[in-house]
Amino acid sequence: QVRLVESGGGLVQPGGSLRLSCAASESLFGINIIGWYRQAPGNQRELVASHPRYGSRNYADSVKGRFIISRDNAENTVVLQMDSLQPEDTAVYYCYANQRGNEYWGQGTQVTVSS
């Protein structure tokens, strides 16, 4: 079972940046897909960005050009760099991993964009 621990959330002003990090309990070499979802109050959980072991990174249209996902296999971490944050980015952000068809989630970290 893969354990995922997120860090890096917080309060930021519009136009600011935050860096989320997710530490996995196992080597990322065995994880097919790792990425980030978010859920705002009253909304469904939605994909933000994903980084497959092989293939291209995938981003939601709403974050393209502002967010970058990176995967460090040596450190077993995945990082989401978020720039030009807007109030609509406010949500709980969850780290996600798919290992051989099994899905795992972190506990979530709150990101609030407000002046």
Protein backbone atom coordinates (compact mmCIF):
# COMPACT_ATOMS: atom_id res chain seq x y z
CA GLN A 1 0.00 0.00 0.00
CA VAL A 2 1.33 3.40 -1.00
CA ARG A 3 1.16 6.23 1.53
CA LEU A 4 1.17 9.77 0.21
CA VAL A 5 1.89 12.83 2.35
CA GLU A 6 1.32 16.31 0.95
CA SER A 7 2.88 19.55 2.14
CA GLY A 8 3.18 23.14 1.00
CA GLY A 9 -0.37 24.46 1.03
CA GLY A 10 -1.36 27.77 2.53
CA LEU A 11 -2.73 31.25 1.94
CA VAL A 12 -1.43 33.33 -0.96
CA GLN A 13 -2.52 36.52 -2.68
CA PRO A 14 -3.78 36.50 -6.28
CA GLY A 15 -0.86 36.37 -8.66
CA GLY A 16 1.32 34.61 -6.12
CA SER A 17 2.96 31.20 -6.15
CA LEU A 18 2.94 28.05 -4.07
CA ARG A 19 4.84 24.80 -4.31
CA LEU A 20 3.12 21.59 -3.26
CA SER A 21 5.11 18.47 -2.53
CA CYS A 22 3.96 14.88 -2.19
CA ALA A 23 6.18 12.27 -0.60
CA ALA A 24 5.43 8.64 -1.45
CA SER A 25 6.24 5.74 0.86
CA GLU A 26 7.48 3.63 -2.03
CA SER A 27 9.68 4.07 -5.03
CA LEU A 28 8.05 5.98 -7.85
CA PHE A 29 9.53 3.47 -10.28
CA GLY A 30 6.68 1.15 -9.33
CA ILE A 31 3.95 3.78 -9.65
CA ASN A 32 2.32 4.07 -13.05
CA ILE A 33 0.74 7.49 -12.61
CA ILE A 34 1.20 10.09 -9.92
CA GLY A 35 -0.43 13.48 -9.85
CA TRP A 36 -2.65 16.05 -8.21
CA TYR A 37 -6.39 16.52 -7.94
CA ARG A 38 -8.30 19.32 -6.23
CA GLN A 39 -11.72 19.80 -4.75
CA ALA A 40 -13.37 23.13 -4.03
CA PRO A 41 -16.43 23.39 -1.76
CA GLY A 42 -19.54 22.22 -3.58
CA ASN A 43 -17.54 20.90 -6.53
CA GLN A 44 -16.43 17.48 -7.63
CA ARG A 45 -12.82 16.46 -7.33
CA GLU A 46 -11.01 17.30 -10.56
CA LEU A 47 -7.68 16.45 -12.11
CA VAL A 48 -5.10 19.23 -11.94
CA ALA A 49 -2.01 17.52 -13.35
CA SER A 50 -0.66 14.03 -13.76
CA HIS A 51 2.77 12.60 -14.51
CA PRO A 52 2.81 9.05 -15.86
CA ARG A 53 5.92 6.94 -15.54
CA TYR A 54 6.02 6.85 -19.34
CA GLY A 55 4.42 9.42 -21.58
CA SER A 56 3.53 13.06 -21.46
CA ARG A 57 2.41 15.09 -18.52
CA ASN A 58 -1.25 16.04 -18.51
CA TYR A 59 -2.78 19.30 -17.25
CA ALA A 60 -6.28 20.64 -16.78
CA ASP A 61 -6.99 23.40 -19.28
CA SER A 62 -7.53 25.84 -16.42
CA VAL A 63 -3.94 25.48 -15.16
CA LYS A 64 -1.98 25.09 -18.39
CA GLY A 65 0.83 27.62 -18.58
CA ARG A 66 0.63 28.33 -14.82
CA PHE A 67 1.28 24.99 -13.09
CA ILE A 68 4.12 22.56 -13.62
CA ILE A 69 4.27 19.01 -12.28
CA SER A 70 7.60 17.31 -11.80
CA ARG A 71 8.50 13.85 -10.62
CA ASP A 72 11.68 12.99 -8.72
CA ASN A 73 12.05 9.23 -8.85
CA ALA A 74 15.20 9.29 -6.72
CA GLU A 75 13.46 11.16 -3.89
CA ASN A 76 10.06 9.48 -4.33
CA THR A 77 8.38 12.87 -4.54
CA VAL A 78 6.16 14.73 -6.96
CA VAL A 79 6.02 18.50 -6.91
CA LEU A 80 3.37 20.87 -8.21
CA GLN A 81 4.70 24.36 -8.85
CA MET A 82 1.78 26.77 -9.01
CA ASP A 83 2.29 30.26 -10.37
CA SER A 84 -0.10 33.12 -11.16
CA LEU A 85 -2.59 31.73 -8.68
CA GLN A 86 -6.15 32.97 -8.85
CA PRO A 87 -9.07 32.82 -6.37
CA GLU A 88 -10.62 30.05 -8.45
CA ASP A 89 -7.62 27.87 -7.63
CA THR A 90 -8.76 27.77 -4.01
CA ALA A 91 -9.36 24.14 -3.07
CA VAL A 92 -8.06 21.19 -1.15
CA TYR A 93 -5.31 19.62 -3.24
CA TYR A 94 -4.83 15.85 -3.12
CA CYS A 95 -1.89 13.78 -4.23
CA TYR A 96 -2.89 10.70 -6.20
CA ALA A 97 -1.08 7.55 -7.25
CA ASN A 98 -2.01 4.58 -9.38
CA GLN A 99 0.07 1.47 -8.80
CA ARG A 100 -0.85 -1.56 -10.87
CA GLY A 101 -4.49 -0.49 -10.98
CA ASN A 102 -4.75 0.34 -7.28
CA GLU A 103 -5.51 3.95 -6.40
CA TYR A 104 -4.09 5.82 -3.43
CA TRP A 105 -4.78 9.29 -2.07
CA GLY A 106 -3.09 11.66 0.32
CA GLN A 107 -4.93 13.45 3.09
CA GLY A 108 -5.05 16.74 1.19
CA THR A 109 -3.60 20.19 1.70
CA GLN A 110 -5.56 23.43 1.64
CA VAL A 111 -4.68 26.13 -0.89
CA THR A 112 -6.42 29.46 -0.44
CA VAL A 113 -5.95 32.34 -2.89
CA SER A 114 -7.32 35.55 -1.48
CA SER A 115 -6.39 39.18 -0.99
